[in-house]
Protein backbone atom coordinates (compact mmCIF):
# COMPACT_ATOMS: atom_id res chain seq x y z
CA MET A 1 15.77 -15.24 3.52
CA GLY A 2 13.85 -17.42 5.92
CA ILE A 3 10.35 -17.03 7.26
CA GLY A 4 11.74 -15.74 10.56
CA GLU A 5 13.53 -12.89 8.84
CA LEU A 6 10.47 -12.13 6.73
CA LEU A 7 8.27 -11.98 9.82
CA LEU A 8 10.74 -9.63 11.55
CA ILE A 9 10.83 -7.41 8.47
CA ALA A 10 7.03 -7.41 8.22
CA ILE A 11 6.59 -6.56 11.89
CA SER A 12 9.25 -3.84 11.71
CA LEU A 13 7.69 -2.28 8.62
CA ALA A 14 4.26 -2.38 10.25
CA MET A 15 5.35 -0.38 13.32
CA ASP A 16 4.58 3.00 11.71
CA ALA A 17 1.15 1.78 10.64
CA PHE A 18 0.62 0.39 14.14
CA ALA A 19 1.53 3.75 15.70
CA VAL A 20 -0.82 5.67 13.40
CA SER A 21 -3.53 3.09 14.06
CA VAL A 22 -3.18 3.68 17.78
CA CYS A 23 -3.66 7.39 17.09
CA LYS A 24 -6.74 6.55 15.03
CA GLY A 25 -8.07 4.54 17.93
CA LEU A 26 -7.49 7.51 20.23
CA SER A 27 -9.31 9.87 17.88
CA MET A 28 -12.33 7.71 17.01
CA GLY A 29 -15.40 8.13 19.12
CA LYS A 30 -17.09 4.76 18.98
CA ILE A 31 -14.80 1.91 17.98
CA THR A 32 -16.26 -1.06 16.16
CA VAL A 33 -14.46 -4.08 14.79
CA GLY A 34 -15.55 -2.90 11.33
CA ASN A 35 -13.84 0.47 11.84
CA ALA A 36 -10.69 -1.24 13.05
CA CYS A 37 -10.75 -3.64 10.07
CA ARG A 38 -11.19 -0.76 7.60
CA ALA A 39 -8.12 0.97 9.03
CA GLY A 40 -6.22 -2.31 8.93
CA LEU A 41 -7.24 -2.86 5.31
CA TRP A 42 -5.99 0.58 4.26
CA PHE A 43 -2.63 0.08 5.94
CA GLY A 44 -2.29 -3.57 4.93
CA VAL A 45 -3.02 -2.97 1.24
CA PHE A 46 -0.61 -0.04 0.99
CA GLN A 47 2.07 -1.88 2.95
CA ALA A 48 1.73 -4.84 0.55
CA LEU A 49 1.65 -2.80 -2.67
CA MET A 50 4.71 -0.67 -1.94
CA PRO A 51 7.28 -3.48 -1.67
CA LEU A 52 5.81 -4.98 -4.84
CA ILE A 53 6.34 -1.69 -6.66
CA GLY A 54 9.83 -1.39 -5.17
CA TRP A 55 10.65 -4.96 -6.20
CA PHE A 56 9.62 -4.29 -9.81
CA LEU A 57 11.67 -1.08 -9.87
CA GLY A 58 14.68 -2.75 -8.25
CA ALA A 59 14.53 -5.68 -10.68
CA GLN A 60 14.97 -3.24 -13.56
CA PHE A 61 18.30 -2.03 -12.19
CA LEU A 62 19.65 -5.13 -10.45
CA GLN A 63 22.07 -6.09 -13.21
CA TYR A 64 23.81 -2.72 -12.85
CA ILE A 65 24.26 -2.90 -9.08
CA GLU A 66 24.79 -6.60 -8.32
CA ALA A 67 28.43 -6.11 -7.30
CA TYR A 68 27.47 -3.93 -4.34
CA ASP A 69 23.81 -4.78 -3.80
CA HIS A 70 24.45 -5.96 -0.23
CA TRP A 71 25.79 -2.51 0.69
CA ILE A 72 22.75 -0.84 -0.87
CA ALA A 73 20.43 -3.19 1.04
CA PHE A 74 22.36 -2.42 4.24
CA ALA A 75 22.13 1.33 3.58
CA LEU A 76 18.40 1.17 2.82
CA LEU A 77 17.62 -0.87 5.92
CA THR A 78 19.81 1.36 8.10
CA LEU A 79 18.15 4.50 6.73
CA ILE A 80 14.65 3.08 7.20
CA GLY A 81 15.43 1.81 10.70
CA GLY A 82 17.33 4.92 11.71
CA ASN A 83 14.51 7.13 10.48
CA MET A 84 12.00 5.13 12.54
CA ILE A 85 14.15 5.53 15.64
CA LEU A 86 14.67 9.27 15.03
CA ASP A 87 10.95 9.80 14.50
CA ALA A 88 10.23 8.04 17.78
CA VAL A 89 12.80 10.12 19.66
CA ARG A 90 11.65 13.42 18.11
CA GLU A 91 7.95 12.77 18.58
CA GLY A 92 8.27 11.40 22.08
CA GLU A 93 4.94 10.16 23.30
CA SER A 94 2.83 12.63 21.32
CA CYS A 95 0.20 11.38 18.94
CA ALA A 96 -0.79 13.54 16.01
CA VAL A 97 -4.21 12.42 14.81
CA PRO A 98 -4.28 11.86 11.04
CA GLN A 99 -7.42 12.71 9.13
CA GLY A 100 -8.70 10.29 6.50
CA MET A 101 -6.89 7.07 5.61
CA PHE A 102 -5.21 7.57 2.23
CA LEU A 103 -2.37 9.86 3.32
CA PRO A 104 -1.52 7.99 6.55
CA ALA A 105 -1.53 4.67 4.68
CA LEU A 106 0.69 6.10 1.94
CA ALA A 107 3.05 7.83 4.36
CA THR A 108 3.56 4.78 6.55
CA SER A 109 4.27 2.54 3.56
CA VAL A 110 7.06 4.53 1.90
CA ASP A 111 9.68 2.53 3.83
CA ALA A 112 8.09 -0.63 2.40
CA LEU A 113 8.84 0.70 -1.10
CA ALA A 114 12.54 0.85 -0.22
CA MET A 115 12.27 -2.62 1.31
CA GLY A 116 10.90 -3.90 -2.01
CA VAL A 117 13.99 -2.58 -3.75
CA ALA A 118 16.11 -4.27 -1.08
CA PHE A 119 14.28 -7.57 -1.68
CA THR A 120 15.66 -7.69 -5.22
CA MET A 121 19.17 -7.51 -3.79
CA ILE A 122 19.06 -9.68 -0.69
CA ALA A 123 17.06 -12.68 -1.70
CA GLU A 124 17.37 -14.32 -5.08
CA GLU A 125 15.04 -17.02 -3.81
CA CYS A 126 12.58 -14.42 -2.50
CA ASN A 127 9.03 -15.15 -3.59
CA ILE A 128 7.83 -11.56 -3.83
CA TRP A 129 4.17 -12.60 -3.80
CA GLY A 130 4.64 -14.47 -0.55
CA CYS A 131 6.60 -11.56 0.90
CA VAL A 132 3.96 -8.97 0.08
CA LEU A 133 1.22 -11.26 1.38
CA VAL A 134 3.01 -11.69 4.72
CA ILE A 135 3.81 -7.97 4.97
CA GLY A 136 0.24 -6.97 4.13
CA LEU A 137 -1.30 -9.50 6.50
CA ILE A 138 0.99 -8.61 9.41
CA THR A 139 0.31 -4.91 8.84
CA PHE A 140 -3.44 -5.55 8.70
CA ILE A 141 -3.37 -7.49 11.98
CA LEU A 142 -1.18 -4.96 13.79
CA SER A 143 -3.21 -2.03 12.47
CA VAL A 144 -6.50 -3.55 13.64
CA ALA A 145 -4.87 -4.22 17.00
CA GLY A 146 -3.51 -0.66 17.05
CA VAL A 147 -6.94 0.90 16.60
CA LEU A 148 -8.35 -1.28 19.35
CA ILE A 149 -5.39 -0.66 21.66
CA GLY A 150 -5.53 3.07 20.99
CA SER A 151 -9.16 3.15 22.00
CA CYS A 152 -8.33 1.36 25.27
CA PHE A 153 -4.84 2.28 26.40
CA GLY A 154 -3.69 5.42 24.64
CA ASN A 155 -0.23 6.11 23.28
CA ARG A 156 2.01 4.62 25.99
CA PHE A 157 3.67 2.07 23.68
CA LEU A 158 4.20 4.08 20.47
CA ARG A 159 7.77 5.16 21.10
CA GLY A 160 9.01 1.71 22.11
CA ALA A 161 7.34 0.04 19.13
CA LYS A 162 8.98 2.41 16.64
CA ILE A 163 12.42 2.14 18.26
CA THR A 164 12.21 -1.65 18.33
CA GLY A 165 11.09 -1.84 14.71
CA GLY A 166 13.91 0.47 13.60
CA ALA A 167 16.53 -1.48 15.53
CA VAL A 168 15.39 -4.78 14.01
CA LEU A 169 15.72 -3.39 10.46
CA ILE A 170 19.22 -2.10 11.19
CA LEU A 171 20.23 -5.48 12.63
CA ILE A 172 18.91 -7.27 9.54
CA GLY A 173 20.99 -4.89 7.38
CA ILE A 174 24.10 -5.70 9.42
CA LYS A 175 23.38 -9.42 9.07
CA ILE A 176 23.16 -9.07 5.26
CA VAL A 177 26.59 -7.44 5.10
CA LEU A 178 28.13 -9.96 7.50
CA GLU A 179 26.76 -12.85 5.44
CA HIS A 180 28.12 -11.32 2.23
CA LEU A 181 31.53 -10.90 3.82
CA HIS A 182 31.30 -14.56 4.93
CA ILE A 183 31.58 -13.61 8.60
CA LEU A 184 28.19 -15.26 9.18
CA ALA A 185 27.24 -18.46 7.39
């Protein structure tokens, strides 16, 4: 897995946190950079911890599923991406305002847990520490931006961001299967 793929995965995983951050920005009275950074820290830390947990769990079972790990990775990525797209279509342009930070950070990082499991199957050369650092940092940056954007522009871009993120994850899953079947080099 190259840095380009990792960046696409990180951005895709961060789309839920970005959307919730925009909602936070809409709901906060006075926005300060400190408030935006606190929200970004919550989302970034959770988004980094979950793939690490998933990676450790997946590593425990990898020897039992190696023969069809590419199909599992494809299924996980398709489910995560499809769920993001369905959420965007169902929610439309509405923006439910979450209270507190723990539950939104946890809820938006569950897909990162599944991605951590997928990391054990799709990238033998994957440096999990580098992956979680990139995922956490990208999520932090996008979440800070989301709070600031939400305070300025509202929720016009939420739906498109979630649909794009979901589509990218599905495409990465397809690429994994095509590489395994030697259709792509």
